[in-house]
Amino acid sequence: MYFLTEDQILRLHATFDVVASGMRYKGALTECREKPQIDIFGYQPYVDIYEKAAILLQCIVQQTPFNDGNKRTGLVACFTFLEINGYVVKITVEEGLSFALKIANKEVKFAQIVNWLKSNSYSITTCIV
C-alpha cells in the first residue's frame, strides 16, 4: 500500500486558490498523514483502504492544519491516496464539497465516511476488459 507524504499533501494544497495561504498547525498535518499508517505492535485500527482513506479525509477536514482549503485538501488527499492504490472516486465537485462540509460540522460519523467512500468508488482493475 502506498501512502502520501507530507510534502505531497502540501503540494496538493498549494494547487488551490485559497484566501489565507499557509499552515495553521504543522503538527496536525503530520498527525493526519500518519494516522492511516498506525501500527501498534501489529494492531492497525484502520485495516482496509477505505478506512485509511476515511481517516485521512476526516483528520484533515476536522483538524484544519491549513489556514484555508482544509475541506478541499482533505478530499483531494483522500482521492489521491485511493487512486495511487488502485481506486477511483466518482462524484461531482458539489457532492464532494457537500460531504466535506458535513464532516467539518461533525454531522457524519467515521463509519459513514467509510461507507460513502465505498459506495462512490471502484477499483481501477474492474475497468480493465
N, C-alpha and C. Protein backbone atom coordinates (compact mmCIF):
# COMPACT_ATOMS: atom_id res chain seq x y z
N MET A 1 0.85 -1.18 0.00
CA MET A 1 0.00 0.00 0.00
C MET A 1 0.90 1.24 0.00
N TYR A 2 0.49 2.24 -0.76
CA TYR A 2 1.24 3.49 -0.86
C TYR A 2 0.54 4.57 -0.04
N PHE A 3 1.34 5.39 0.64
CA PHE A 3 0.82 6.47 1.46
C PHE A 3 1.37 7.80 0.96
N LEU A 4 0.60 8.87 1.16
CA LEU A 4 1.05 10.20 0.77
C LEU A 4 2.07 10.73 1.77
N THR A 5 3.03 11.48 1.27
CA THR A 5 3.98 12.14 2.15
C THR A 5 3.41 13.50 2.54
N GLU A 6 4.00 14.09 3.55
CA GLU A 6 3.58 15.43 3.96
C GLU A 6 3.81 16.43 2.82
N ASP A 7 4.93 16.28 2.12
CA ASP A 7 5.23 17.17 1.00
C ASP A 7 4.20 17.04 -0.11
N GLN A 8 3.75 15.83 -0.38
CA GLN A 8 2.73 15.63 -1.42
C GLN A 8 1.41 16.29 -1.02
N ILE A 9 1.03 16.18 0.24
CA ILE A 9 -0.20 16.83 0.71
C ILE A 9 -0.05 18.34 0.61
N LEU A 10 1.11 18.86 0.96
CA LEU A 10 1.35 20.30 0.85
C LEU A 10 1.25 20.76 -0.60
N ARG A 11 1.76 19.96 -1.53
CA ARG A 11 1.67 20.31 -2.95
C ARG A 11 0.23 20.26 -3.44
N LEU A 12 -0.54 19.30 -2.98
CA LEU A 12 -1.96 19.26 -3.34
C LEU A 12 -2.66 20.52 -2.83
N HIS A 13 -2.38 20.87 -1.60
CA HIS A 13 -2.99 22.07 -1.01
C HIS A 13 -2.61 23.33 -1.79
N ALA A 14 -1.38 23.39 -2.27
CA ALA A 14 -0.88 24.58 -2.98
C ALA A 14 -1.59 24.79 -4.33
N THR A 15 -2.28 23.77 -4.83
CA THR A 15 -2.97 23.92 -6.11
C THR A 15 -4.26 24.71 -5.98
N PHE A 16 -4.73 24.93 -4.76
CA PHE A 16 -5.98 25.64 -4.54
C PHE A 16 -5.75 27.14 -4.40
N ASP A 17 -6.69 27.90 -4.89
CA ASP A 17 -6.67 29.35 -4.73
C ASP A 17 -7.35 29.65 -3.40
N VAL A 18 -6.54 29.74 -2.36
CA VAL A 18 -7.08 29.93 -1.01
C VAL A 18 -6.96 31.38 -0.59
N VAL A 19 -7.88 31.81 0.27
CA VAL A 19 -7.90 33.19 0.75
C VAL A 19 -6.70 33.45 1.67
N ALA A 20 -6.49 32.56 2.60
CA ALA A 20 -5.38 32.71 3.56
C ALA A 20 -4.47 31.49 3.44
N SER A 21 -3.38 31.66 2.71
CA SER A 21 -2.50 30.52 2.50
C SER A 21 -1.66 30.24 3.74
N GLY A 22 -1.04 29.09 3.75
CA GLY A 22 -0.12 28.73 4.82
C GLY A 22 -0.68 27.74 5.81
N MET A 23 0.21 27.31 6.67
CA MET A 23 -0.12 26.31 7.68
C MET A 23 -0.65 26.97 8.93
N ARG A 24 -1.63 26.32 9.53
CA ARG A 24 -2.12 26.73 10.83
C ARG A 24 -1.39 25.91 11.90
N TYR A 25 -1.40 24.59 11.73
CA TYR A 25 -0.77 23.67 12.67
C TYR A 25 -0.01 22.60 11.91
N LYS A 26 1.31 22.70 11.87
CA LYS A 26 2.12 21.69 11.18
C LYS A 26 1.95 20.33 11.84
N GLY A 27 1.84 20.32 13.15
CA GLY A 27 1.67 19.06 13.87
C GLY A 27 0.39 18.33 13.47
N ALA A 28 -0.66 19.10 13.16
CA ALA A 28 -1.92 18.49 12.75
C ALA A 28 -1.76 17.80 11.41
N LEU A 29 -1.01 18.39 10.49
CA LEU A 29 -0.78 17.75 9.19
C LEU A 29 0.02 16.47 9.36
N THR A 30 1.03 16.52 10.20
CA THR A 30 1.83 15.33 10.47
C THR A 30 0.95 14.22 11.05
N GLU A 31 0.11 14.57 12.00
CA GLU A 31 -0.81 13.59 12.60
C GLU A 31 -1.73 12.99 11.54
N CYS A 32 -2.29 13.83 10.69
CA CYS A 32 -3.22 13.35 9.66
C CYS A 32 -2.53 12.44 8.66
N ARG A 33 -1.31 12.76 8.31
CA ARG A 33 -0.56 11.93 7.37
C ARG A 33 -0.22 10.57 7.98
N GLU A 34 0.05 10.56 9.27
CA GLU A 34 0.47 9.33 9.93
C GLU A 34 -0.68 8.42 10.35
N LYS A 35 -1.86 8.98 10.58
CA LYS A 35 -2.99 8.18 11.10
C LYS A 35 -3.31 6.94 10.27
N PRO A 36 -3.36 7.03 8.93
CA PRO A 36 -3.69 5.82 8.17
C PRO A 36 -2.64 4.71 8.30
N GLN A 37 -1.45 5.07 8.76
CA GLN A 37 -0.36 4.10 8.84
C GLN A 37 -0.14 3.53 10.23
N ILE A 38 -0.97 3.92 11.18
CA ILE A 38 -0.76 3.49 12.57
C ILE A 38 -0.70 1.97 12.65
N ASP A 39 0.32 1.51 13.34
CA ASP A 39 0.51 0.09 13.61
C ASP A 39 1.12 -0.02 15.00
N ILE A 40 0.33 -0.53 15.94
CA ILE A 40 0.77 -0.64 17.33
C ILE A 40 0.99 -2.11 17.64
N PHE A 41 2.24 -2.53 17.55
CA PHE A 41 2.60 -3.93 17.80
C PHE A 41 1.72 -4.89 16.99
N GLY A 42 1.50 -4.54 15.72
CA GLY A 42 0.72 -5.40 14.83
C GLY A 42 -0.76 -5.07 14.78
N TYR A 43 -1.24 -4.23 15.68
CA TYR A 43 -2.65 -3.83 15.66
C TYR A 43 -2.79 -2.58 14.81
N GLN A 44 -3.67 -2.64 13.81
CA GLN A 44 -3.94 -1.50 12.95
C GLN A 44 -5.41 -1.10 13.12
N PRO A 45 -5.67 0.08 13.69
CA PRO A 45 -7.07 0.49 13.88
C PRO A 45 -7.80 0.74 12.56
N TYR A 46 -7.07 1.07 11.52
CA TYR A 46 -7.67 1.31 10.20
C TYR A 46 -7.14 0.22 9.28
N VAL A 47 -7.98 -0.78 9.03
CA VAL A 47 -7.47 -2.00 8.41
C VAL A 47 -7.52 -2.03 6.89
N ASP A 48 -8.53 -1.44 6.28
CA ASP A 48 -8.60 -1.54 4.82
C ASP A 48 -8.40 -0.18 4.17
N ILE A 49 -8.34 -0.19 2.87
CA ILE A 49 -8.06 1.02 2.09
C ILE A 49 -9.09 2.12 2.37
N TYR A 50 -10.35 1.73 2.55
CA TYR A 50 -11.40 2.73 2.77
C TYR A 50 -11.30 3.36 4.16
N GLU A 51 -10.97 2.58 5.15
CA GLU A 51 -10.80 3.13 6.50
C GLU A 51 -9.59 4.05 6.54
N LYS A 52 -8.51 3.68 5.87
CA LYS A 52 -7.32 4.52 5.83
C LYS A 52 -7.61 5.83 5.10
N ALA A 53 -8.35 5.75 3.99
CA ALA A 53 -8.72 6.96 3.24
C ALA A 53 -9.66 7.82 4.06
N ALA A 54 -10.60 7.19 4.75
CA ALA A 54 -11.59 7.93 5.55
C ALA A 54 -10.93 8.68 6.70
N ILE A 55 -9.96 8.06 7.37
CA ILE A 55 -9.32 8.76 8.49
C ILE A 55 -8.45 9.90 7.99
N LEU A 56 -7.85 9.75 6.82
CA LEU A 56 -7.08 10.85 6.23
C LEU A 56 -8.00 12.03 5.93
N LEU A 57 -9.13 11.75 5.31
CA LEU A 57 -10.11 12.79 4.98
C LEU A 57 -10.65 13.46 6.24
N GLN A 58 -11.13 12.65 7.17
CA GLN A 58 -11.72 13.19 8.40
C GLN A 58 -10.70 14.03 9.18
N CYS A 59 -9.49 13.55 9.27
CA CYS A 59 -8.47 14.25 10.05
C CYS A 59 -8.14 15.61 9.44
N ILE A 60 -7.91 15.67 8.14
CA ILE A 60 -7.56 16.95 7.53
C ILE A 60 -8.72 17.94 7.63
N VAL A 61 -9.93 17.45 7.40
CA VAL A 61 -11.10 18.34 7.44
C VAL A 61 -11.38 18.84 8.86
N GLN A 62 -11.26 17.98 9.85
CA GLN A 62 -11.61 18.38 11.22
C GLN A 62 -10.45 18.98 12.01
N GLN A 63 -9.22 18.59 11.72
CA GLN A 63 -8.07 19.13 12.46
C GLN A 63 -7.59 20.47 11.89
N THR A 64 -8.01 20.80 10.69
CA THR A 64 -7.70 22.05 9.99
C THR A 64 -6.24 22.47 10.10
N PRO A 65 -5.33 21.70 9.50
CA PRO A 65 -3.92 22.08 9.57
C PRO A 65 -3.58 23.34 8.76
N PHE A 66 -4.44 23.71 7.81
CA PHE A 66 -4.18 24.87 6.96
C PHE A 66 -5.06 26.05 7.36
N ASN A 67 -4.64 27.23 6.98
CA ASN A 67 -5.43 28.44 7.26
C ASN A 67 -6.72 28.45 6.45
N ASP A 68 -6.71 27.84 5.28
CA ASP A 68 -7.86 27.81 4.38
C ASP A 68 -7.71 26.59 3.47
N GLY A 69 -8.83 26.09 2.97
CA GLY A 69 -8.79 25.00 2.00
C GLY A 69 -8.68 23.61 2.60
N ASN A 70 -9.04 23.45 3.86
CA ASN A 70 -8.92 22.14 4.51
C ASN A 70 -9.88 21.10 3.93
N LYS A 71 -11.11 21.50 3.63
CA LYS A 71 -12.08 20.55 3.07
C LYS A 71 -11.63 20.09 1.68
N ARG A 72 -11.21 21.04 0.86
CA ARG A 72 -10.74 20.68 -0.48
C ARG A 72 -9.48 19.82 -0.42
N THR A 73 -8.55 20.20 0.44
CA THR A 73 -7.32 19.43 0.57
C THR A 73 -7.60 18.03 1.11
N GLY A 74 -8.49 17.93 2.08
CA GLY A 74 -8.86 16.62 2.61
C GLY A 74 -9.44 15.72 1.55
N LEU A 75 -10.35 16.26 0.75
CA LEU A 75 -10.95 15.47 -0.32
C LEU A 75 -9.91 15.02 -1.34
N VAL A 76 -9.10 15.96 -1.80
CA VAL A 76 -8.12 15.63 -2.84
C VAL A 76 -7.04 14.68 -2.31
N ALA A 77 -6.62 14.87 -1.07
CA ALA A 77 -5.64 13.95 -0.48
C ALA A 77 -6.24 12.54 -0.37
N CYS A 78 -7.48 12.46 0.07
CA CYS A 78 -8.17 11.17 0.19
C CYS A 78 -8.30 10.50 -1.17
N PHE A 79 -8.76 11.25 -2.17
CA PHE A 79 -8.97 10.68 -3.50
C PHE A 79 -7.64 10.30 -4.15
N THR A 80 -6.60 11.09 -3.91
CA THR A 80 -5.27 10.77 -4.45
C THR A 80 -4.73 9.51 -3.80
N PHE A 81 -4.90 9.39 -2.49
CA PHE A 81 -4.48 8.18 -1.78
C PHE A 81 -5.18 6.95 -2.37
N LEU A 82 -6.49 7.05 -2.58
CA LEU A 82 -7.21 5.92 -3.16
C LEU A 82 -6.69 5.62 -4.57
N GLU A 83 -6.48 6.66 -5.35
CA GLU A 83 -6.06 6.45 -6.74
C GLU A 83 -4.69 5.80 -6.85
N ILE A 84 -3.73 6.22 -6.03
CA ILE A 84 -2.40 5.61 -6.12
C ILE A 84 -2.42 4.16 -5.63
N ASN A 85 -3.52 3.79 -4.99
CA ASN A 85 -3.68 2.40 -4.53
C ASN A 85 -4.70 1.63 -5.36
N GLY A 86 -5.08 2.18 -6.52
CA GLY A 86 -5.91 1.43 -7.46
C GLY A 86 -7.40 1.65 -7.39
N TYR A 87 -7.86 2.75 -6.79
CA TYR A 87 -9.28 3.04 -6.68
C TYR A 87 -9.58 4.44 -7.19
N VAL A 88 -10.76 4.62 -7.75
CA VAL A 88 -11.19 5.91 -8.26
C VAL A 88 -12.52 6.27 -7.62
N VAL A 89 -12.64 7.53 -7.19
CA VAL A 89 -13.89 8.03 -6.63
C VAL A 89 -14.62 8.77 -7.74
N LYS A 90 -15.90 8.45 -7.89
CA LYS A 90 -16.70 9.08 -8.95
C LYS A 90 -17.84 9.85 -8.32
N ILE A 91 -17.62 11.15 -8.16
CA ILE A 91 -18.63 12.06 -7.61
C ILE A 91 -18.49 13.41 -8.31
N THR A 92 -19.48 14.27 -8.12
CA THR A 92 -19.37 15.64 -8.63
C THR A 92 -18.64 16.49 -7.59
N VAL A 93 -18.14 17.61 -8.02
CA VAL A 93 -17.48 18.54 -7.09
C VAL A 93 -18.46 18.95 -5.99
N GLU A 94 -19.70 19.22 -6.38
CA GLU A 94 -20.70 19.63 -5.39
C GLU A 94 -20.96 18.55 -4.36
N GLU A 95 -21.04 17.29 -4.79
CA GLU A 95 -21.25 16.19 -3.84
C GLU A 95 -20.08 16.09 -2.86
N GLY A 96 -18.87 16.22 -3.39
CA GLY A 96 -17.69 16.13 -2.53
C GLY A 96 -17.63 17.24 -1.51
N LEU A 97 -17.85 18.46 -1.95
CA LEU A 97 -17.80 19.59 -1.02
C LEU A 97 -18.93 19.56 -0.01
N SER A 98 -20.10 19.11 -0.44
CA SER A 98 -21.23 18.99 0.48
C SER A 98 -20.92 17.97 1.57
N PHE A 99 -20.33 16.84 1.18
CA PHE A 99 -20.00 15.81 2.16
C PHE A 99 -18.87 16.29 3.07
N ALA A 100 -17.89 16.98 2.52
CA ALA A 100 -16.78 17.51 3.34
C ALA A 100 -17.30 18.51 4.37
N LEU A 101 -18.29 19.30 3.99
CA LEU A 101 -18.90 20.25 4.94
C LEU A 101 -19.58 19.51 6.08
N LYS A 102 -20.23 18.39 5.77
CA LYS A 102 -20.85 17.57 6.83
C LYS A 102 -19.79 17.00 7.76
N ILE A 103 -18.65 16.60 7.19
CA ILE A 103 -17.55 16.09 8.02
C ILE A 103 -17.04 17.21 8.92
N ALA A 104 -16.83 18.40 8.35
CA ALA A 104 -16.33 19.53 9.12
C ALA A 104 -17.26 19.89 10.27
N ASN A 105 -18.56 19.80 10.02
CA ASN A 105 -19.56 20.12 11.04
C ASN A 105 -19.87 18.95 11.96
N LYS A 106 -19.16 17.85 11.78
CA LYS A 106 -19.31 16.63 12.59
C LYS A 106 -20.73 16.07 12.54
N GLU A 107 -21.32 16.15 11.35
CA GLU A 107 -22.67 15.62 11.13
C GLU A 107 -22.64 14.16 10.68
N VAL A 108 -21.46 13.65 10.35
CA VAL A 108 -21.33 12.25 9.95
C VAL A 108 -20.27 11.58 10.81
N LYS A 109 -20.48 10.32 11.09
CA LYS A 109 -19.53 9.53 11.88
C LYS A 109 -18.51 8.87 10.95
N PHE A 110 -17.45 8.39 11.54
CA PHE A 110 -16.37 7.76 10.78
C PHE A 110 -16.90 6.64 9.88
N ALA A 111 -17.76 5.78 10.42
CA ALA A 111 -18.30 4.66 9.63
C ALA A 111 -19.08 5.15 8.41
N GLN A 112 -19.74 6.30 8.54
CA GLN A 112 -20.48 6.86 7.41
C GLN A 112 -19.52 7.36 6.33
N ILE A 113 -18.38 7.88 6.73
CA ILE A 113 -17.38 8.31 5.76
C ILE A 113 -16.85 7.10 5.00
N VAL A 114 -16.57 6.03 5.73
CA VAL A 114 -16.09 4.79 5.10
C VAL A 114 -17.13 4.29 4.10
N ASN A 115 -18.38 4.23 4.50
CA ASN A 115 -19.44 3.74 3.61
C ASN A 115 -19.64 4.65 2.40
N TRP A 116 -19.51 5.95 2.59
CA TRP A 116 -19.63 6.90 1.48
C TRP A 116 -18.53 6.67 0.46
N LEU A 117 -17.31 6.47 0.95
CA LEU A 117 -16.20 6.19 0.03
C LEU A 117 -16.40 4.87 -0.71
N LYS A 118 -16.85 3.85 0.01
CA LYS A 118 -17.11 2.55 -0.62
C LYS A 118 -18.17 2.65 -1.71
N SER A 119 -19.22 3.40 -1.42
CA SER A 119 -20.33 3.46 -2.38
C SER A 119 -20.06 4.40 -3.56
N ASN A 120 -19.04 5.23 -3.44
CA ASN A 120 -18.74 6.18 -4.51
C ASN A 120 -17.40 5.93 -5.19
N SER A 121 -16.83 4.77 -5.01
CA SER A 121 -15.55 4.47 -5.64
C SER A 121 -15.56 3.05 -6.19
N TYR A 122 -14.59 2.79 -7.02
CA TYR A 122 -14.45 1.46 -7.59
C TYR A 122 -12.98 1.19 -7.86
N SER A 123 -12.66 -0.08 -7.95
CA SER A 123 -11.30 -0.49 -8.24
C SER A 123 -10.99 -0.24 -9.71
N ILE A 124 -9.83 0.30 -9.98
CA ILE A 124 -9.42 0.56 -11.36
C ILE A 124 -9.35 -0.75 -12.13
N THR A 125 -8.98 -1.82 -11.47
CA THR A 125 -8.85 -3.10 -12.16
C THR A 125 -10.20 -3.64 -12.64
N THR A 126 -11.30 -3.15 -12.06
CA THR A 126 -12.60 -3.61 -12.53
C THR A 126 -12.96 -2.99 -13.87
N CYS A 127 -12.21 -1.98 -14.29
CA CYS A 127 -12.47 -1.31 -15.55
C CYS A 127 -11.76 -1.98 -16.70
N ILE A 128 -10.79 -2.82 -16.42
CA ILE A 128 -9.99 -3.44 -17.46
C ILE A 128 -10.77 -4.60 -18.08
N VAL A 129 -10.85 -4.57 -19.39
CA VAL A 129 -11.60 -5.63 -20.10
C VAL A 129 -10.64 -6.65 -20.64
